[in-house]
C-alpha atoms as a PDB file:
ATOM      1  CA  MET A   1      -0.222   0.037  -0.135  1.00  0.00           C
ATOM      2  CA  ASP A   2       1.428   3.327  -1.115  1.00  0.00           C
ATOM      3  CA  PRO A   3       2.033   5.937   1.857  1.00  0.00           C
ATOM      4  CA  PRO A   4      -0.847   8.644   1.955  1.00  0.00           C
ATOM      5  CA  THR A   5       0.250  12.180   0.246  1.00  0.00           C
ATOM      6  CA  ALA A   6      -0.338  15.724   0.412  1.00  0.00           C
ATOM      7  CA  GLU A   7      -2.475  15.934  -2.517  1.00  0.00           C
ATOM      8  CA  GLN A   8      -4.969  13.499  -1.338  1.00  0.00           C
ATOM      9  CA  LEU A   9      -5.184  15.406   2.069  1.00  0.00           C
ATOM     10  CA  VAL A  10      -5.785  18.672   0.114  1.00  0.00           C
ATOM     11  CA  SER A  11      -8.253  17.109  -1.991  1.00  0.00           C
ATOM     12  CA  ALA A  12      -9.969  15.463   1.012  1.00  0.00           C
ATOM     13  CA  ALA A  13     -10.234  18.959   2.727  1.00  0.00           C
ATOM     14  CA  LYS A  14     -11.541  20.628  -0.535  1.00  0.00           C
ATOM     15  CA  GLU A  15     -14.119  17.993  -0.765  1.00  0.00           C
ATOM     16  CA  GLY A  16     -15.245  18.131   2.864  1.00  0.00           C
ATOM     17  CA  ASP A  17     -14.188  14.407   3.463  1.00  0.00           C
ATOM     18  CA  LEU A  18     -13.557  14.640   7.151  1.00  0.00           C
ATOM     19  CA  GLU A  19     -13.124  11.129   7.891  1.00  0.00           C
ATOM     20  CA  LEU A  20     -10.447  10.724   5.321  1.00  0.00           C
ATOM     21  CA  VAL A  21      -8.997  14.357   6.611  1.00  0.00           C
ATOM     22  CA  GLN A  22      -8.827  12.644  10.011  1.00  0.00           C
ATOM     23  CA  HIS A  23      -7.683   9.330   8.601  1.00  0.00           C
ATOM     24  CA  LEU A  24      -4.675  11.052   6.750  1.00  0.00           C
ATOM     25  CA  LEU A  25      -3.425  12.911   9.424  1.00  0.00           C
ATOM     26  CA  GLN A  26      -3.444   9.855  11.842  1.00  0.00           C
ATOM     27  CA  GLN A  27      -1.101   8.336   9.154  1.00  0.00           C
ATOM     28  CA  GLY A  28       1.321  10.842   9.498  1.00  0.00           C
ATOM     29  CA  LEU A  29       0.654  14.002   7.202  1.00  0.00           C
ATOM     30  CA  SER A  30       0.731  17.379   9.035  1.00  0.00           C
ATOM     31  CA  VAL A  31      -1.877  19.895   9.605  1.00  0.00           C
ATOM     32  CA  HIS A  32       0.425  22.238   8.123  1.00  0.00           C
ATOM     33  CA  THR A  33       0.348  20.875   4.708  1.00  0.00           C
ATOM     34  CA  THR A  34       0.706  23.755   2.197  1.00  0.00           C
ATOM     35  CA  HIS A  35      -0.178  23.938  -1.549  1.00  0.00           C
ATOM     36  CA  GLY A  36      -0.291  25.919  -4.465  1.00  0.00           C
ATOM     37  CA  ASN A  37       1.009  29.215  -5.318  1.00  0.00           C
ATOM     38  CA  TRP A  38       0.254  30.900  -2.055  1.00  0.00           C
ATOM     39  CA  GLN A  39       1.371  27.990   0.152  1.00  0.00           C
ATOM     40  CA  ASP A  40      -2.520  27.657   1.290  1.00  0.00           C
ATOM     41  CA  THR A  41      -2.881  25.452   4.151  1.00  0.00           C
ATOM     42  CA  ILE A  42      -5.326  22.804   4.218  1.00  0.00           C
ATOM     43  CA  LEU A  43      -7.327  25.152   6.858  1.00  0.00           C
ATOM     44  CA  HIS A  44      -7.526  27.672   4.154  1.00  0.00           C
ATOM     45  CA  THR A  45      -8.568  25.108   1.463  1.00  0.00           C
ATOM     46  CA  ALA A  46     -11.577  23.627   3.802  1.00  0.00           C
ATOM     47  CA  ALA A  47     -12.546  27.370   4.432  1.00  0.00           C
ATOM     48  CA  GLU A  48     -12.484  28.273   0.723  1.00  0.00           C
ATOM     49  CA  ALA A  49     -14.422  25.205  -0.276  1.00  0.00           C
ATOM     50  CA  GLY A  50     -16.931  26.067   2.521  1.00  0.00           C
ATOM     51  CA  GLN A  51     -16.538  22.801   4.213  1.00  0.00           C
ATOM     52  CA  LEU A  52     -17.598  23.800   7.816  1.00  0.00           C
ATOM     53  CA  ARG A  53     -17.158  20.504   9.293  1.00  0.00           C
ATOM     54  CA  VAL A  54     -13.420  20.086   8.068  1.00  0.00           C
ATOM     55  CA  VAL A  55     -12.832  23.735   9.346  1.00  0.00           C
ATOM     56  CA  GLU A  56     -14.244  23.202  12.751  1.00  0.00           C
ATOM     57  CA  TYR A  57     -12.265  19.879  12.994  1.00  0.00           C
ATOM     58  CA  LEU A  58      -8.991  21.543  12.152  1.00  0.00           C
ATOM     59  CA  VAL A  59      -9.416  24.320  14.411  1.00  0.00           C
ATOM     60  CA  GLU A  60     -10.396  22.202  17.310  1.00  0.00           C
ATOM     61  CA  LEU A  61      -7.348  20.144  16.497  1.00  0.00           C
ATOM     62  CA  CYS A  62      -4.535  23.005  16.687  1.00  0.00           C
ATOM     63  CA  PRO A  63      -4.159  25.731  19.022  1.00  0.00           C
ATOM     64  CA  PRO A  64      -4.627  29.099  17.516  1.00  0.00           C
ATOM     65  CA  SER A  65      -0.869  29.804  17.439  1.00  0.00           C
ATOM     66  CA  GLN A  66      -0.539  26.989  15.107  1.00  0.00           C
ATOM     67  CA  GLN A  67      -3.452  27.898  12.806  1.00  0.00           C
ATOM     68  CA  LEU A  68      -1.289  30.719  11.305  1.00  0.00           C
ATOM     69  CA  HIS A  69      -0.314  30.857   7.846  1.00  0.00           C
ATOM     70  CA  PRO A  70       3.586  29.723   7.852  1.00  0.00           C
ATOM     71  CA  ALA A  71       4.257  33.019   5.366  1.00  0.00           C
ATOM     72  CA  PHE A  72       2.419  35.221   7.586  1.00  0.00           C
ATOM     73  CA  SER A  73       3.383  33.966  11.220  1.00  0.00           C
ATOM     74  CA  ASP A  74       2.801  37.419  12.691  1.00  0.00           C
ATOM     75  CA  SER A  75      -0.961  37.835  11.641  1.00  0.00           C
ATOM     76  CA  LEU A  76      -4.267  35.644  11.712  1.00  0.00           C
ATOM     77  CA  HIS A  77      -4.134  35.326   8.078  1.00  0.00           C
ATOM     78  CA  CYS A  78      -5.922  31.886   8.054  1.00  0.00           C
ATOM     79  CA  TRP A  79      -8.834  33.551  10.006  1.00  0.00           C
ATOM     80  CA  GLN A  80      -9.147  36.504   7.767  1.00  0.00           C
ATOM     81  CA  ARG A  81      -9.173  34.408   4.549  1.00  0.00           C
ATOM     82  CA  ALA A  82     -11.827  32.010   6.130  1.00  0.00           C
ATOM     83  CA  ALA A  83     -14.126  34.767   7.271  1.00  0.00           C
ATOM     84  CA  ALA A  84     -13.880  36.253   3.778  1.00  0.00           C
ATOM     85  CA  PRO A  85     -17.397  36.753   2.785  1.00  0.00           C
ATOM     86  CA  THR A  86     -17.158  34.417  -0.014  1.00  0.00           C
ATOM     87  CA  HIS A  87     -16.285  31.373   2.066  1.00  0.00           C
ATOM     88  CA  LEU A  88     -18.108  29.274   4.345  1.00  0.00           C
ATOM     89  CA  LEU A  89     -21.542  30.745   2.783  1.00  0.00           C
END
């Protein structure tokens, strides 16, 4: 069996597959996995796709200090993006 991949985690977050997100994280993938040109986290991905259950899980999983985007570690960038008017509608 092939090891889980970051692409699977990103896809599961985007699709709202909470059980797969949980499984992949338990298999050793990082909640801090980033992707794309902007290095979005899986929290960004889930929020932008309107996947509230996944967002809630990721928020509960990490203390707020670990929810920050790596490129914007001095701000609440993830929260700002998740709260954008077009997200989580």
